[in-house]
PDB file of N, CA and C in Angstrom:
ATOM      1  N   UNK A   1      87.420 -11.827 -19.844  1.00  0.00           N
ATOM      2  CA  UNK A   1      85.794 -11.238 -18.870  1.00  0.00           C
ATOM      3  C   UNK A   1      84.899 -12.100 -19.180  1.00  0.00           C
ATOM      4  N   UNK A   2      84.066 -12.278 -18.467  1.00  0.00           N
ATOM      5  CA  UNK A   2      82.892 -12.868 -18.794  1.00  0.00           C
ATOM      6  C   UNK A   2      81.846 -11.899 -18.942  1.00  0.00           C
ATOM      7  N   UNK A   3      80.725 -12.141 -19.953  1.00  0.00           N
ATOM      8  CA  UNK A   3      80.171 -11.442 -20.132  1.00  0.00           C
ATOM      9  C   UNK A   3      79.031 -11.736 -19.635  1.00  0.00           C
ATOM     10  N   UNK A   4      78.100 -10.912 -18.548  1.00  0.00           N
ATOM     11  CA  UNK A   4      77.082 -11.136 -17.663  1.00  0.00           C
ATOM     12  C   UNK A   4      75.812 -10.964 -18.851  1.00  0.00           C
ATOM     13  N   UNK A   5      75.090 -12.235 -18.774  1.00  0.00           N
ATOM     14  CA  UNK A   5      73.870 -11.943 -19.540  1.00  0.00           C
ATOM     15  C   UNK A   5      72.977 -11.840 -17.999  1.00  0.00           C
ATOM     16  N   UNK A   6      71.959 -11.511 -18.642  1.00  0.00           N
ATOM     17  CA  UNK A   6      70.766 -11.006 -17.794  1.00  0.00           C
ATOM     18  C   UNK A   6      69.804 -12.350 -17.778  1.00  0.00           C
ATOM     19  N   UNK A   7      69.397 -12.731 -16.781  1.00  0.00           N
ATOM     20  CA  UNK A   7      68.761 -13.814 -16.950  1.00  0.00           C
ATOM     21  C   UNK A   7      66.789 -13.233 -16.496  1.00  0.00           C
ATOM     22  N   UNK A   8      66.278 -13.955 -17.330  1.00  0.00           N
ATOM     23  CA  UNK A   8      64.602 -13.693 -17.054  1.00  0.00           C
ATOM     24  C   UNK A   8      64.275 -13.893 -15.510  1.00  0.00           C
ATOM     25  N   UNK A   9      63.728 -13.172 -14.887  1.00  0.00           N
ATOM     26  CA  UNK A   9      63.020 -13.354 -13.557  1.00  0.00           C
ATOM     27  C   UNK A   9      61.965 -14.351 -13.705  1.00  0.00           C
ATOM     28  N   UNK A  10      62.013 -15.315 -12.608  1.00  0.00           N
ATOM     29  CA  UNK A  10      61.067 -16.259 -12.517  1.00  0.00           C
ATOM     30  C   UNK A  10      59.561 -15.604 -12.858  1.00  0.00           C
ATOM     31  N   UNK A  11      59.729 -14.358 -12.036  1.00  0.00           N
ATOM     32  CA  UNK A  11      57.963 -13.526 -12.107  1.00  0.00           C
ATOM     33  C   UNK A  11      57.893 -12.945 -13.219  1.00  0.00           C
ATOM     34  N   UNK A  12      57.597 -12.690 -14.223  1.00  0.00           N
ATOM     35  CA  UNK A  12      57.396 -11.840 -15.106  1.00  0.00           C
ATOM     36  C   UNK A  12      56.168 -11.097 -14.887  1.00  0.00           C
ATOM     37  N   UNK A  13      56.812  -9.826 -14.687  1.00  0.00           N
ATOM     38  CA  UNK A  13      55.305  -8.782 -14.387  1.00  0.00           C
ATOM     39  C   UNK A  13      54.764  -8.210 -15.601  1.00  0.00           C
ATOM     40  N   UNK A  14      54.760  -8.558 -16.550  1.00  0.00           N
ATOM     41  CA  UNK A  14      53.747  -8.166 -17.345  1.00  0.00           C
ATOM     42  C   UNK A  14      53.917  -6.767 -17.914  1.00  0.00           C
ATOM     43  N   UNK A  15      52.767  -5.972 -18.514  1.00  0.00           N
ATOM     44  CA  UNK A  15      52.875  -4.828 -18.805  1.00  0.00           C
ATOM     45  C   UNK A  15      52.682  -4.056 -17.512  1.00  0.00           C
ATOM     46  N   UNK A  16      52.245  -4.296 -16.609  1.00  0.00           N
ATOM     47  CA  UNK A  16      51.606  -3.464 -15.313  1.00  0.00           C
ATOM     48  C   UNK A  16      52.659  -3.644 -14.349  1.00  0.00           C
ATOM     49  N   UNK A  17      53.081  -2.650 -13.720  1.00  0.00           N
ATOM     50  CA  UNK A  17      54.066  -2.870 -12.499  1.00  0.00           C
ATOM     51  C   UNK A  17      53.090  -2.926 -11.137  1.00  0.00           C
ATOM     52  N   UNK A  18      53.576  -3.300 -10.218  1.00  0.00           N
ATOM     53  CA  UNK A  18      52.933  -3.555  -8.812  1.00  0.00           C
ATOM     54  C   UNK A  18      52.160  -2.560  -8.138  1.00  0.00           C
ATOM     55  N   UNK A  19      52.393  -1.320  -8.289  1.00  0.00           N
ATOM     56  CA  UNK A  19      51.557  -0.481  -7.797  1.00  0.00           C
ATOM     57  C   UNK A  19      50.219  -0.080  -8.458  1.00  0.00           C
ATOM     58  N   UNK A  20      50.447  -0.422 -10.094  1.00  0.00           N
ATOM     59  CA  UNK A  20      49.275  -0.336 -10.809  1.00  0.00           C
ATOM     60  C   UNK A  20      48.227  -1.195 -10.580  1.00  0.00           C
ATOM     61  N   UNK A  21      48.580  -2.453 -10.481  1.00  0.00           N
ATOM     62  CA  UNK A  21      47.731  -3.356  -9.943  1.00  0.00           C
ATOM     63  C   UNK A  21      47.226  -3.334  -8.506  1.00  0.00           C
ATOM     64  N   UNK A  22      47.741  -2.602  -7.567  1.00  0.00           N
ATOM     65  CA  UNK A  22      47.289  -2.732  -6.189  1.00  0.00           C
ATOM     66  C   UNK A  22      46.184  -1.619  -6.498  1.00  0.00           C
ATOM     67  N   UNK A  23      46.495  -0.616  -7.329  1.00  0.00           N
ATOM     68  CA  UNK A  23      45.768   0.630  -7.547  1.00  0.00           C
ATOM     69  C   UNK A  23      44.467   0.460  -8.055  1.00  0.00           C
ATOM     70  N   UNK A  24      44.539  -0.721  -9.239  1.00  0.00           N
ATOM     71  CA  UNK A  24      43.370  -1.245 -10.237  1.00  0.00           C
ATOM     72  C   UNK A  24      42.550  -2.038  -9.238  1.00  0.00           C
ATOM     73  N   UNK A  25      43.214  -2.680  -8.401  1.00  0.00           N
ATOM     74  CA  UNK A  25      42.362  -3.601  -7.374  1.00  0.00           C
ATOM     75  C   UNK A  25      41.568  -2.646  -6.501  1.00  0.00           C
ATOM     76  N   UNK A  26      42.212  -1.886  -5.565  1.00  0.00           N
ATOM     77  CA  UNK A  26      41.413  -1.196  -4.714  1.00  0.00           C
ATOM     78  C   UNK A  26      40.207  -0.062  -5.432  1.00  0.00           C
ATOM     79  N   UNK A  27      40.717   0.483  -6.674  1.00  0.00           N
ATOM     80  CA  UNK A  27      39.628   0.867  -7.537  1.00  0.00           C
ATOM     81  C   UNK A  27      38.260   0.109  -7.824  1.00  0.00           C
ATOM     82  N   UNK A  28      38.655  -0.992  -8.116  1.00  0.00           N
ATOM     83  CA  UNK A  28      37.633  -2.046  -8.489  1.00  0.00           C
ATOM     84  C   UNK A  28      36.478  -2.643  -6.971  1.00  0.00           C
ATOM     85  N   UNK A  29      37.350  -2.390  -5.839  1.00  0.00           N
ATOM     86  CA  UNK A  29      37.070  -2.645  -4.551  1.00  0.00           C
ATOM     87  C   UNK A  29      36.163  -1.738  -4.143  1.00  0.00           C
ATOM     88  N   UNK A  30      36.630  -0.477  -4.553  1.00  0.00           N
ATOM     89  CA  UNK A  30      35.755   0.908  -4.103  1.00  0.00           C
ATOM     90  C   UNK A  30      34.322   1.054  -4.895  1.00  0.00           C
ATOM     91  N   UNK A  31      34.567   0.181  -6.245  1.00  0.00           N
ATOM     92  CA  UNK A  31      33.356   0.482  -6.931  1.00  0.00           C
ATOM     93  C   UNK A  31      32.404  -0.505  -6.800  1.00  0.00           C
ATOM     94  N   UNK A  32      32.666  -1.507  -6.431  1.00  0.00           N
ATOM     95  CA  UNK A  32      32.195  -2.776  -6.081  1.00  0.00           C
ATOM     96  C   UNK A  32      31.509  -2.510  -4.513  1.00  0.00           C
ATOM     97  N   UNK A  33      32.030  -1.955  -3.615  1.00  0.00           N
ATOM     98  CA  UNK A  33      31.849  -1.434  -2.210  1.00  0.00           C
ATOM     99  C   UNK A  33      30.681  -0.112  -2.742  1.00  0.00           C
ATOM    100  N   UNK A  34      30.833   0.635  -3.210  1.00  0.00           N
ATOM    101  CA  UNK A  34      29.793   1.907  -3.409  1.00  0.00           C
ATOM    102  C   UNK A  34      28.745   1.185  -3.978  1.00  0.00           C
ATOM    103  N   UNK A  35      28.567   0.198  -5.021  1.00  0.00           N
ATOM    104  CA  UNK A  35      27.420  -0.335  -5.606  1.00  0.00           C
ATOM    105  C   UNK A  35      26.536  -1.081  -4.876  1.00  0.00           C
ATOM    106  N   UNK A  36      27.244  -1.915  -3.977  1.00  0.00           N
ATOM    107  CA  UNK A  36      26.589  -2.480  -2.535  1.00  0.00           C
ATOM    108  C   UNK A  36      26.049  -1.669  -1.514  1.00  0.00           C
ATOM    109  N   UNK A  37      26.589  -0.402  -1.159  1.00  0.00           N
ATOM    110  CA  UNK A  37      25.970   0.331  -0.205  1.00  0.00           C
ATOM    111  C   UNK A  37      24.931   1.055  -1.013  1.00  0.00           C
ATOM    112  N   UNK A  38      25.063   1.368  -2.023  1.00  0.00           N
ATOM    113  CA  UNK A  38      23.573   2.248  -3.060  1.00  0.00           C
ATOM    114  C   UNK A  38      22.615   1.201  -3.000  1.00  0.00           C
ATOM    115  N   UNK A  39      22.897   0.141  -3.415  1.00  0.00           N
ATOM    116  CA  UNK A  39      21.864  -1.082  -3.627  1.00  0.00           C
ATOM    117  C   UNK A  39      21.110  -1.060  -2.150  1.00  0.00           C
ATOM    118  N   UNK A  40      21.999  -1.603  -1.316  1.00  0.00           N
ATOM    119  CA  UNK A  40      21.240  -1.652   0.241  1.00  0.00           C
ATOM    120  C   UNK A  40      20.311  -0.369   0.694  1.00  0.00           C
ATOM    121  N   UNK A  41      20.981   0.631   0.246  1.00  0.00           N
ATOM    122  CA  UNK A  41      20.455   1.975   0.820  1.00  0.00           C
ATOM    123  C   UNK A  41      19.118   1.973   0.050  1.00  0.00           C
ATOM    124  N   UNK A  42      19.117   1.788  -1.114  1.00  0.00           N
ATOM    125  CA  UNK A  42      17.582   1.973  -2.017  1.00  0.00           C
ATOM    126  C   UNK A  42      16.522   0.986  -1.754  1.00  0.00           C
ATOM    127  N   UNK A  43      17.345  -0.319  -1.007  1.00  0.00           N
ATOM    128  CA  UNK A  43      16.172  -1.056  -0.716  1.00  0.00           C
ATOM    129  C   UNK A  43      15.700  -1.052   0.760  1.00  0.00           C
ATOM    130  N   UNK A  44      16.587  -0.335   1.446  1.00  0.00           N
ATOM    131  CA  UNK A  44      16.029   0.240   2.789  1.00  0.00           C
ATOM    132  C   UNK A  44      15.010   1.109   2.696  1.00  0.00           C
ATOM    133  N   UNK A  45      15.201   2.142   1.883  1.00  0.00           N
ATOM    134  CA  UNK A  45      14.246   3.403   1.716  1.00  0.00           C
ATOM    135  C   UNK A  45      12.886   2.481   0.971  1.00  0.00           C
ATOM    136  N   UNK A  46      13.033   1.751  -0.103  1.00  0.00           N
ATOM    137  CA  UNK A  46      11.753   1.338  -0.444  1.00  0.00           C
ATOM    138  C   UNK A  46      11.013   0.310   0.523  1.00  0.00           C
ATOM    139  N   UNK A  47      11.803  -0.459   1.466  1.00  0.00           N
ATOM    140  CA  UNK A  47      11.427  -1.025   2.626  1.00  0.00           C
ATOM    141  C   UNK A  47      10.523  -0.391   3.542  1.00  0.00           C
ATOM    142  N   UNK A  48      11.202   1.147   3.866  1.00  0.00           N
ATOM    143  CA  UNK A  48      10.446   2.135   4.648  1.00  0.00           C
ATOM    144  C   UNK A  48       9.045   2.158   4.201  1.00  0.00           C
ATOM    145  N   UNK A  49       9.363   2.881   2.419  1.00  0.00           N
ATOM    146  CA  UNK A  49       7.917   3.216   2.120  1.00  0.00           C
ATOM    147  C   UNK A  49       6.990   2.037   1.979  1.00  0.00           C
ATOM    148  N   UNK A  50       7.243   0.738   1.498  1.00  0.00           N
ATOM    149  CA  UNK A  50       6.630  -0.169   1.728  1.00  0.00           C
ATOM    150  C   UNK A  50       5.635  -0.520   3.004  1.00  0.00           C
ATOM    151  N   UNK A  51       6.276  -0.295   4.266  1.00  0.00           N
ATOM    152  CA  UNK A  51       5.849  -0.479   5.578  1.00  0.00           C
ATOM    153  C   UNK A  51       5.016   0.946   5.719  1.00  0.00           C
ATOM    154  N   UNK A  52       5.068   2.061   5.544  1.00  0.00           N
ATOM    155  CA  UNK A  52       4.547   3.090   5.612  1.00  0.00           C
ATOM    156  C   UNK A  52       3.378   2.725   4.848  1.00  0.00           C
ATOM    157  N   UNK A  53       3.340   2.319   3.607  1.00  0.00           N
ATOM    158  CA  UNK A  53       1.908   2.378   2.766  1.00  0.00           C
ATOM    159  C   UNK A  53       1.150   1.248   3.294  1.00  0.00           C
ATOM    160  N   UNK A  54       1.665   0.075   4.004  1.00  0.00           N
ATOM    161  CA  UNK A  54       0.910  -1.118   4.578  1.00  0.00           C
ATOM    162  C   UNK A  54       0.189  -0.538   5.928  1.00  0.00           C
ATOM    163  N   UNK A  55       0.878   0.672   6.389  1.00  0.00           N
ATOM    164  CA  UNK A  55       0.109   1.131   7.738  1.00  0.00           C
ATOM    165  C   UNK A  55      -1.076   1.944   7.145  1.00  0.00           C
ATOM    166  N   UNK A  56      -0.912   2.897   5.998  1.00  0.00           N
ATOM    167  CA  UNK A  56      -1.822   3.760   5.647  1.00  0.00           C
ATOM    168  C   UNK A  56      -2.616   2.398   5.145  1.00  0.00           C
ATOM    169  N   UNK A  57      -2.722   1.529   4.413  1.00  0.00           N
ATOM    170  CA  UNK A  57      -3.781   0.419   3.960  1.00  0.00           C
ATOM    171  C   UNK A  57      -4.652   0.093   4.862  1.00  0.00           C
ATOM    172  N   UNK A  58      -4.081  -0.431   6.344  1.00  0.00           N
ATOM    173  CA  UNK A  58      -4.666  -0.917   7.460  1.00  0.00           C
ATOM    174  C   UNK A  58      -5.354   0.223   7.928  1.00  0.00           C
ATOM    175  N   UNK A  59      -4.842   1.577   7.939  1.00  0.00           N
ATOM    176  CA  UNK A  59      -5.281   2.285   8.453  1.00  0.00           C
ATOM    177  C   UNK A  59      -6.924   2.659   7.605  1.00  0.00           C
ATOM    178  N   UNK A  60      -6.805   3.117   6.649  1.00  0.00           N
ATOM    179  CA  UNK A  60      -7.858   3.032   5.691  1.00  0.00           C
ATOM    180  C   UNK A  60      -8.653   2.295   5.425  1.00  0.00           C
ATOM    181  N   UNK A  61      -8.158   0.506   5.658  1.00  0.00           N
ATOM    182  CA  UNK A  61      -9.633  -0.522   5.820  1.00  0.00           C
ATOM    183  C   UNK A  61     -10.254  -0.235   7.220  1.00  0.00           C
ATOM    184  N   UNK A  62      -9.678   0.290   8.401  1.00  0.00           N
ATOM    185  CA  UNK A  62     -10.249   0.411   9.609  1.00  0.00           C
ATOM    186  C   UNK A  62     -11.138   1.475   9.325  1.00  0.00           C
ATOM    187  N   UNK A  63     -11.024   2.842   8.877  1.00  0.00           N
ATOM    188  CA  UNK A  63     -11.837   3.665   8.755  1.00  0.00           C
ATOM    189  C   UNK A  63     -12.822   3.207   7.547  1.00  0.00           C
ATOM    190  N   UNK A  64     -12.592   2.335   6.623  1.00  0.00           N
ATOM    191  CA  UNK A  64     -13.976   1.936   5.708  1.00  0.00           C
ATOM    192  C   UNK A  64     -14.725   1.095   6.362  1.00  0.00           C
ATOM    193  N   UNK A  65     -14.445   0.214   7.551  1.00  0.00           N
ATOM    194  CA  UNK A  65     -15.258  -0.618   8.563  1.00  0.00           C
ATOM    195  C   UNK A  65     -16.105   0.342   9.087  1.00  0.00           C
ATOM    196  N   UNK A  66     -15.391   1.277   9.764  1.00  0.00           N
ATOM    197  CA  UNK A  66     -16.006   2.123  10.839  1.00  0.00           C
ATOM    198  C   UNK A  66     -17.275   2.754   9.848  1.00  0.00           C
ATOM    199  N   UNK A  67     -17.089   3.582   8.780  1.00  0.00           N
ATOM    200  CA  UNK A  67     -17.959   4.609   7.914  1.00  0.00           C
ATOM    201  C   UNK A  67     -19.285   3.423   7.529  1.00  0.00           C
ATOM    202  N   UNK A  68     -18.491   1.912   7.225  1.00  0.00           N
ATOM    203  CA  UNK A  68     -19.814   1.147   6.816  1.00  0.00           C
ATOM    204  C   UNK A  68     -20.755   0.754   7.985  1.00  0.00           C
ATOM    205  N   UNK A  69     -19.995   0.654   8.978  1.00  0.00           N
ATOM    206  CA  UNK A  69     -21.068   0.599  10.351  1.00  0.00           C
ATOM    207  C   UNK A  69     -22.051   1.855  10.468  1.00  0.00           C
ATOM    208  N   UNK A  70     -21.271   2.904  10.321  1.00  0.00           N
ATOM    209  CA  UNK A  70     -21.761   4.155  10.481  1.00  0.00           C
ATOM    210  C   UNK A  70     -23.401   4.263   9.427  1.00  0.00           C
ATOM    211  N   UNK A  71     -22.726   3.842   8.120  1.00  0.00           N
ATOM    212  CA  UNK A  71     -23.765   3.830   7.216  1.00  0.00           C
ATOM    213  C   UNK A  71     -24.754   2.978   7.568  1.00  0.00           C
ATOM    214  N   UNK A  72     -24.858   1.959   7.712  1.00  0.00           N
ATOM    215  CA  UNK A  72     -25.528   0.562   8.302  1.00  0.00           C
ATOM    216  C   UNK A  72     -26.504   1.393   9.093  1.00  0.00           C
ATOM    217  N   UNK A  73     -25.795   2.048  10.459  1.00  0.00           N
ATOM    218  CA  UNK A  73     -26.985   2.272  11.289  1.00  0.00           C
ATOM    219  C   UNK A  73     -27.591   3.691  11.056  1.00  0.00           C
ATOM    220  N   UNK A  74     -27.150   4.442   9.961  1.00  0.00           N
ATOM    221  CA  UNK A  74     -27.967   5.553   9.402  1.00  0.00           C
ATOM    222  C   UNK A  74     -29.057   5.260   8.511  1.00  0.00           C
ATOM    223  N   UNK A  75     -28.911   4.220   7.936  1.00  0.00           N
ATOM    224  CA  UNK A  75     -30.033   4.050   7.127  1.00  0.00           C
ATOM    225  C   UNK A  75     -30.975   2.695   7.644  1.00  0.00           C
ATOM    226  N   UNK A  76     -30.790   2.331   9.135  1.00  0.00           N
ATOM    227  CA  UNK A  76     -31.556   1.584   9.248  1.00  0.00           C
ATOM    228  C   UNK A  76     -33.137   1.864   9.511  1.00  0.00           C
ATOM    229  N   UNK A  77     -34.098   1.132   9.648  1.00  0.00           N
ATOM    230  CA  UNK A  77     -35.386   1.613   9.405  1.00  0.00           C
ATOM    231  C   UNK A  77     -36.023   2.573  10.846  1.00  0.00           C
ATOM    232  N   UNK A  78     -35.394   1.933  12.262  1.00  0.00           N
ATOM    233  CA  UNK A  78     -35.154   2.885  13.406  1.00  0.00           C
ATOM    234  C   UNK A  78     -34.757   4.007  13.227  1.00  0.00           C
ATOM    235  N   UNK A  79     -33.164   4.317  12.726  1.00  0.00           N
ATOM    236  CA  UNK A  79     -32.746   5.497  12.600  1.00  0.00           C
ATOM    237  C   UNK A  79     -33.431   6.685  11.728  1.00  0.00           C
ATOM    238  N   UNK A  80     -34.017   5.935  10.666  1.00  0.00           N
ATOM    239  CA  UNK A  80     -34.867   6.840   9.629  1.00  0.00           C
ATOM    240  C   UNK A  80     -36.069   7.264  10.400  1.00  0.00           C
ATOM    241  N   UNK A  81     -36.806   6.326  10.955  1.00  0.00           N
ATOM    242  CA  UNK A  81     -38.186   6.844  11.322  1.00  0.00           C
ATOM    243  C   UNK A  81     -37.837   7.755  12.610  1.00  0.00           C
ATOM    244  N   UNK A  82     -36.761   7.610  13.495  1.00  0.00           N
ATOM    245  CA  UNK A  82     -36.315   8.543  14.374  1.00  0.00           C
ATOM    246  C   UNK A  82     -36.183   9.993  13.969  1.00  0.00           C
ATOM    247  N   UNK A  83     -35.492  10.211  12.714  1.00  0.00           N
ATOM    248  CA  UNK A  83     -34.856  11.114  12.313  1.00  0.00           C
ATOM    249  C   UNK A  83     -36.226  11.995  11.758  1.00  0.00           C
ATOM    250  N   UNK A  84     -37.120  11.356  11.153  1.00  0.00           N
ATOM    251  CA  UNK A  84     -37.987  11.777  10.214  1.00  0.00           C
ATOM    252  C   UNK A  84     -38.958  12.317  11.416  1.00  0.00           C
ATOM    253  N   UNK A  85     -39.139  11.774  12.631  1.00  0.00           N
ATOM    254  CA  UNK A  85     -39.676  12.504  13.574  1.00  0.00           C
ATOM    255  C   UNK A  85     -39.344  13.731  14.403  1.00  0.00           C
ATOM    256  N   UNK A  86     -37.843  13.522  14.429  1.00  0.00           N
ATOM    257  CA  UNK A  86     -37.460  14.486  15.008  1.00  0.00           C
ATOM    258  C   UNK A  86     -37.285  15.996  14.025  1.00  0.00           C
ATOM    259  N   UNK A  87     -36.800  15.594  12.851  1.00  0.00           N
ATOM    260  CA  UNK A  87     -36.806  16.704  11.933  1.00  0.00           C
ATOM    261  C   UNK A  87     -37.738  17.241  11.421  1.00  0.00           C
ATOM    262  N   UNK A  88     -38.576  16.547  10.835  1.00  0.00           N
ATOM    263  CA  UNK A  88     -39.987  16.738   9.854  1.00  0.00           C
ATOM    264  C   UNK A  88     -41.221  16.788  10.828  1.00  0.00           C
ATOM    265  N   UNK A  89     -41.057  16.079  12.045  1.00  0.00           N
ATOM    266  CA  UNK A  89     -42.456  16.198  13.095  1.00  0.00           C
ATOM    267  C   UNK A  89     -43.078  15.231  12.412  1.00  0.00           C
ATOM    268  N   UNK A  90     -42.753  14.133  11.873  1.00  0.00           N
ATOM    269  CA  UNK A  90     -43.769  12.697  11.377  1.00  0.00           C
ATOM    270  C   UNK A  90     -43.708  11.961  12.699  1.00  0.00           C
ATOM    271  N   UNK A  91     -45.061  11.769  12.657  1.00  0.00           N
ATOM    272  CA  UNK A  91     -45.540  10.399  13.532  1.00  0.00           C
ATOM    273  C   UNK A  91     -46.359   9.040  12.807  1.00  0.00           C
ATOM    274  N   UNK A  92     -45.945   8.219  13.475  1.00  0.00           N
ATOM    275  CA  UNK A  92     -46.735   6.873  12.862  1.00  0.00           C
ATOM    276  C   UNK A  92     -48.196   6.925  13.108  1.00  0.00           C
ATOM    277  N   UNK A  93     -49.100   6.683  12.256  1.00  0.00           N
ATOM    278  CA  UNK A  93     -50.397   6.786  12.288  1.00  0.00           C
ATOM    279  C   UNK A  93     -50.752   5.825  13.102  1.00  0.00           C
ATOM    280  N   UNK A  94     -51.957   6.033  14.429  1.00  0.00           N
ATOM    281  CA  UNK A  94     -52.311   5.211  15.219  1.00  0.00           C
ATOM    282  C   UNK A  94     -53.476   4.267  14.283  1.00  0.00           C
ATOM    283  N   UNK A  95     -54.137   3.496  15.256  1.00  0.00           N
ATOM    284  CA  UNK A  95     -55.496   2.681  14.440  1.00  0.00           C
ATOM    285  C   UNK A  95     -56.231   3.486  14.140  1.00  0.00           C
ATOM    286  N   UNK A  96     -56.698   4.351  14.607  1.00  0.00           N
ATOM    287  CA  UNK A  96     -57.908   5.333  14.397  1.00  0.00           C
ATOM    288  C   UNK A  96     -57.449   6.131  13.337  1.00  0.00           C
ATOM    289  N   UNK A  97     -56.236   6.296  12.905  1.00  0.00           N
ATOM    290  CA  UNK A  97     -55.905   7.335  11.740  1.00  0.00           C
ATOM    291  C   UNK A  97     -55.488   6.269  10.531  1.00  0.00           C
ATOM    292  N   UNK A  98     -55.625   5.169  10.699  1.00  0.00           N
ATOM    293  CA  UNK A  98     -55.350   4.397   9.354  1.00  0.00           C
ATOM    294  C   UNK A  98     -56.837   3.656   9.104  1.00  0.00           C
ATOM    295  N   UNK A  99     -56.899   3.610   7.613  1.00  0.00           N
ATOM    296  CA  UNK A  99     -58.064   3.202   7.229  1.00  0.00           C
ATOM    297  C   UNK A  99     -57.837   2.137   6.042  1.00  0.00           C
ATOM    298  N   UNK A 100     -58.309   1.022   6.126  1.00  0.00           N
ATOM    299  CA  UNK A 100     -57.979  -0.055   5.189  1.00  0.00           C
ATOM    300  C   UNK A 100     -59.364  -0.106   3.883  1.00  0.00           C
ATOM    301  N   UNK A 101     -58.794  -0.097   3.015  1.00  0.00           N
ATOM    302  CA  UNK A 101     -59.553  -0.123   1.708  1.00  0.00           C
ATOM    303  C   UNK A 101     -59.560  -1.827   0.773  1.00  0.00           C
ATOM    304  N   UNK A 102     -60.658  -1.682   0.673  1.00  0.00           N
ATOM    305  CA  UNK A 102     -60.597  -3.319   0.015  1.00  0.00           C
ATOM    306  C   UNK A 102     -60.356  -3.090  -1.355  1.00  0.00           C
ATOM    307  N   UNK A 103     -59.761  -3.740  -1.746  1.00  0.00           N
ATOM    308  CA  UNK A 103     -59.398  -3.993  -3.326  1.00  0.00           C
ATOM    309  C   UNK A 103     -60.200  -5.076  -4.212  1.00  0.00           C
ATOM    310  N   UNK A 104     -61.200  -4.496  -4.768  1.00  0.00           N
ATOM    311  CA  UNK A 104     -62.115  -5.365  -5.675  1.00  0.00           C
ATOM    312  C   UNK A 104     -61.276  -6.562  -6.402  1.00  0.00           C
ATOM    313  N   UNK A 105     -62.051  -7.408  -6.440  1.00  0.00           N
ATOM    314  CA  UNK A 105     -61.489  -8.593  -7.387  1.00  0.00           C
ATOM    315  C   UNK A 105     -61.000  -8.450  -8.211  1.00  0.00           C
ATOM    316  N   UNK A 106     -60.341  -8.677  -9.054  1.00  0.00           N
ATOM    317  CA  UNK A 106     -59.918  -8.537 -10.847  1.00  0.00           C
ATOM    318  C   UNK A 106     -61.126  -8.711 -11.593  1.00  0.00           C
ATOM    319  N   UNK A 107     -61.915  -9.850 -11.426  1.00  0.00           N
ATOM    320  CA  UNK A 107     -62.767 -10.183 -12.231  1.00  0.00           C
ATOM    321  C   UNK A 107     -64.177  -9.326 -11.930  1.00  0.00           C
ATOM    322  N   UNK A 108     -64.384  -8.616 -11.109  1.00  0.00           N
ATOM    323  CA  UNK A 108     -65.635  -7.980 -10.636  1.00  0.00           C
ATOM    324  C   UNK A 108     -65.551  -6.727 -11.182  1.00  0.00           C
ATOM    325  N   UNK A 109     -66.643  -5.721 -11.622  1.00  0.00           N
ATOM    326  CA  UNK A 109     -66.930  -4.965 -12.392  1.00  0.00           C
ATOM    327  C   UNK A 109     -66.999  -3.814 -11.850  1.00  0.00           C
ATOM    328  N   UNK A 110     -66.500  -2.549 -11.681  1.00  0.00           N
ATOM    329  CA  UNK A 110     -66.404  -1.480 -11.136  1.00  0.00           C
ATOM    330  C   UNK A 110     -67.695  -0.210 -11.903  1.00  0.00           C
ATOM    331  N   UNK A 111     -68.655   0.160 -10.420  1.00  0.00           N
ATOM    332  CA  UNK A 111     -69.651   0.775 -10.684  1.00  0.00           C
ATOM    333  C   UNK A 111     -69.145   2.065 -10.567  1.00  0.00           C
TER     334      UNK A 111
END
């Protein structure tokens, strides 16, 4: 009788069996997929926050322009005079109420 010898297979499987390699590949795929989804969701969240802050900035800049215009109008001479007349009862003096005083020249002596 002839002794049968076992021939090594053409494909050596190494230390891992086929199922373990597939499981490791699926675990790696799951880990990579999870990290990609997490990164994208973080990016989407950051983008929404950035858009909200940009809209708030535009709103505040518009409000600043409006308030600067209000301040310019409120501090104009015309508005100040109108408010002084309305609140304090002040009137602009007429020509009969105005007296001009001549200032002596700097070289003249005061008597």
